Amino acid sequence: MADEHRKDIEKIFEEGTPIDNALKAAVRMAVLRHKQLGFPLVDVRDGKVVLIPPDEIVVPPPPPGSEPPG
């Protein structure tokens, strides 16, 4: 059973897509939460740290196959 689980994990890492989508979903949730709470985001633009005001935050679309936040 442990060998089967290990093969599944190895396949996920080789494919990469599920991990990429999970990271995109996590970033989207963090951006959305900042916007909803009225907190600025910190970003690096042209090599400088900048604050993005909540009204200028653009929430990325959900990754394919993900469910909307509930």
C-alpha atoms as a PDB file:
ATOM      1  CA  MET A   1       0.000   0.000   0.000  1.00  0.00           C
ATOM      2  CA  ALA A   2       2.810   2.428   0.845  1.00  0.00           C
ATOM      3  CA  ASP A   3       4.452   1.655  -2.500  1.00  0.00           C
ATOM      4  CA  GLU A   4       1.224   2.498  -4.356  1.00  0.00           C
ATOM      5  CA  HIS A   5       0.927   5.780  -2.439  1.00  0.00           C
ATOM      6  CA  ARG A   6       4.536   6.645  -3.252  1.00  0.00           C
ATOM      7  CA  LYS A   7       3.947   6.001  -6.969  1.00  0.00           C
ATOM      8  CA  ASP A   8       0.899   8.277  -6.899  1.00  0.00           C
ATOM      9  CA  ILE A   9       2.904  11.078  -5.305  1.00  0.00           C
ATOM     10  CA  GLU A  10       5.753  10.608  -7.762  1.00  0.00           C
ATOM     11  CA  LYS A  11       3.264  10.761 -10.664  1.00  0.00           C
ATOM     12  CA  ILE A  12       1.759  13.997  -9.303  1.00  0.00           C
ATOM     13  CA  PHE A  13       5.203  15.603  -9.027  1.00  0.00           C
ATOM     14  CA  GLU A  14       6.168  14.445 -12.527  1.00  0.00           C
ATOM     15  CA  GLU A  15       2.965  15.794 -14.027  1.00  0.00           C
ATOM     16  CA  GLY A  16       3.098  19.020 -12.030  1.00  0.00           C
ATOM     17  CA  THR A  17      -0.358  20.257 -13.006  1.00  0.00           C
ATOM     18  CA  PRO A  18      -2.159  19.416  -9.733  1.00  0.00           C
ATOM     19  CA  ILE A  19       0.586  21.143  -7.747  1.00  0.00           C
ATOM     20  CA  ASP A  20       0.563  24.174 -10.043  1.00  0.00           C
ATOM     21  CA  ASN A  21      -3.223  24.448  -9.746  1.00  0.00           C
ATOM     22  CA  ALA A  22      -3.083  24.155  -5.958  1.00  0.00           C
ATOM     23  CA  LEU A  23      -0.528  26.971  -5.799  1.00  0.00           C
ATOM     24  CA  LYS A  24      -2.584  29.141  -8.159  1.00  0.00           C
ATOM     25  CA  ALA A  25      -5.694  28.527  -6.049  1.00  0.00           C
ATOM     26  CA  ALA A  26      -3.801  29.481  -2.870  1.00  0.00           C
ATOM     27  CA  VAL A  27      -2.512  32.704  -4.427  1.00  0.00           C
ATOM     28  CA  ARG A  28      -6.001  33.532  -5.696  1.00  0.00           C
ATOM     29  CA  MET A  29      -7.476  33.015  -2.222  1.00  0.00           C
ATOM     30  CA  ALA A  30      -4.821  35.258  -0.628  1.00  0.00           C
ATOM     31  CA  VAL A  31      -5.373  38.013  -3.220  1.00  0.00           C
ATOM     32  CA  LEU A  32      -9.144  37.766  -2.844  1.00  0.00           C
ATOM     33  CA  ARG A  33      -8.913  37.914   0.942  1.00  0.00           C
ATOM     34  CA  HIS A  34      -6.715  41.031   0.821  1.00  0.00           C
ATOM     35  CA  LYS A  35      -9.177  42.736  -1.514  1.00  0.00           C
ATOM     36  CA  GLN A  36     -12.206  41.743   0.599  1.00  0.00           C
ATOM     37  CA  LEU A  37     -10.606  42.905   3.846  1.00  0.00           C
ATOM     38  CA  GLY A  38      -9.314  46.137   2.343  1.00  0.00           C
ATOM     39  CA  PHE A  39      -5.642  45.279   2.836  1.00  0.00           C
ATOM     40  CA  PRO A  40      -3.033  46.258   0.240  1.00  0.00           C
ATOM     41  CA  LEU A  41      -0.855  43.674  -1.468  1.00  0.00           C
ATOM     42  CA  VAL A  42       2.917  43.930  -1.624  1.00  0.00           C
ATOM     43  CA  ASP A  43       4.536  43.361  -5.015  1.00  0.00           C
ATOM     44  CA  VAL A  44       7.835  43.993  -6.758  1.00  0.00           C
ATOM     45  CA  ARG A  45       7.602  46.133  -9.889  1.00  0.00           C
ATOM     46  CA  ASP A  46      10.615  47.318 -11.833  1.00  0.00           C
ATOM     47  CA  GLY A  47      12.816  46.098  -9.007  1.00  0.00           C
ATOM     48  CA  LYS A  48      11.003  48.155  -6.361  1.00  0.00           C
ATOM     49  CA  VAL A  49       8.662  47.072  -3.593  1.00  0.00           C
ATOM     50  CA  VAL A  50       5.220  48.643  -4.040  1.00  0.00           C
ATOM     51  CA  LEU A  51       1.896  48.483  -2.221  1.00  0.00           C
ATOM     52  CA  ILE A  52      -1.154  47.762  -4.364  1.00  0.00           C
ATOM     53  CA  PRO A  53      -4.234  49.413  -2.860  1.00  0.00           C
ATOM     54  CA  PRO A  54      -7.266  47.128  -2.449  1.00  0.00           C
ATOM     55  CA  ASP A  55      -9.260  48.978  -5.121  1.00  0.00           C
ATOM     56  CA  GLU A  56      -6.496  48.247  -7.672  1.00  0.00           C
ATOM     57  CA  ILE A  57      -6.149  44.542  -6.846  1.00  0.00           C
ATOM     58  CA  VAL A  58      -7.110  42.262  -9.720  1.00  0.00           C
ATOM     59  CA  VAL A  59      -8.167  38.806  -8.551  1.00  0.00           C
ATOM     60  CA  PRO A  60      -6.863  36.116 -10.922  1.00  0.00           C
ATOM     61  CA  PRO A  61      -9.345  33.621 -12.370  1.00  0.00           C
ATOM     62  CA  PRO A  62      -9.636  30.244 -10.673  1.00  0.00           C
ATOM     63  CA  PRO A  63      -7.376  27.523 -12.071  1.00  0.00           C
ATOM     64  CA  PRO A  64      -8.994  24.910 -14.304  1.00  0.00           C
ATOM     65  CA  GLY A  65     -10.951  22.300 -12.395  1.00  0.00           C
ATOM     66  CA  SER A  66     -11.044  24.212  -9.147  1.00  0.00           C
ATOM     67  CA  GLU A  67     -14.146  25.115  -7.226  1.00  0.00           C
ATOM     68  CA  PRO A  68     -15.008  28.709  -6.346  1.00  0.00           C
ATOM     69  CA  PRO A  69     -14.222  29.723  -2.766  1.00  0.00           C
ATOM     70  CA  GLY A  70     -17.052  29.005  -0.415  1.00  0.00           C
END
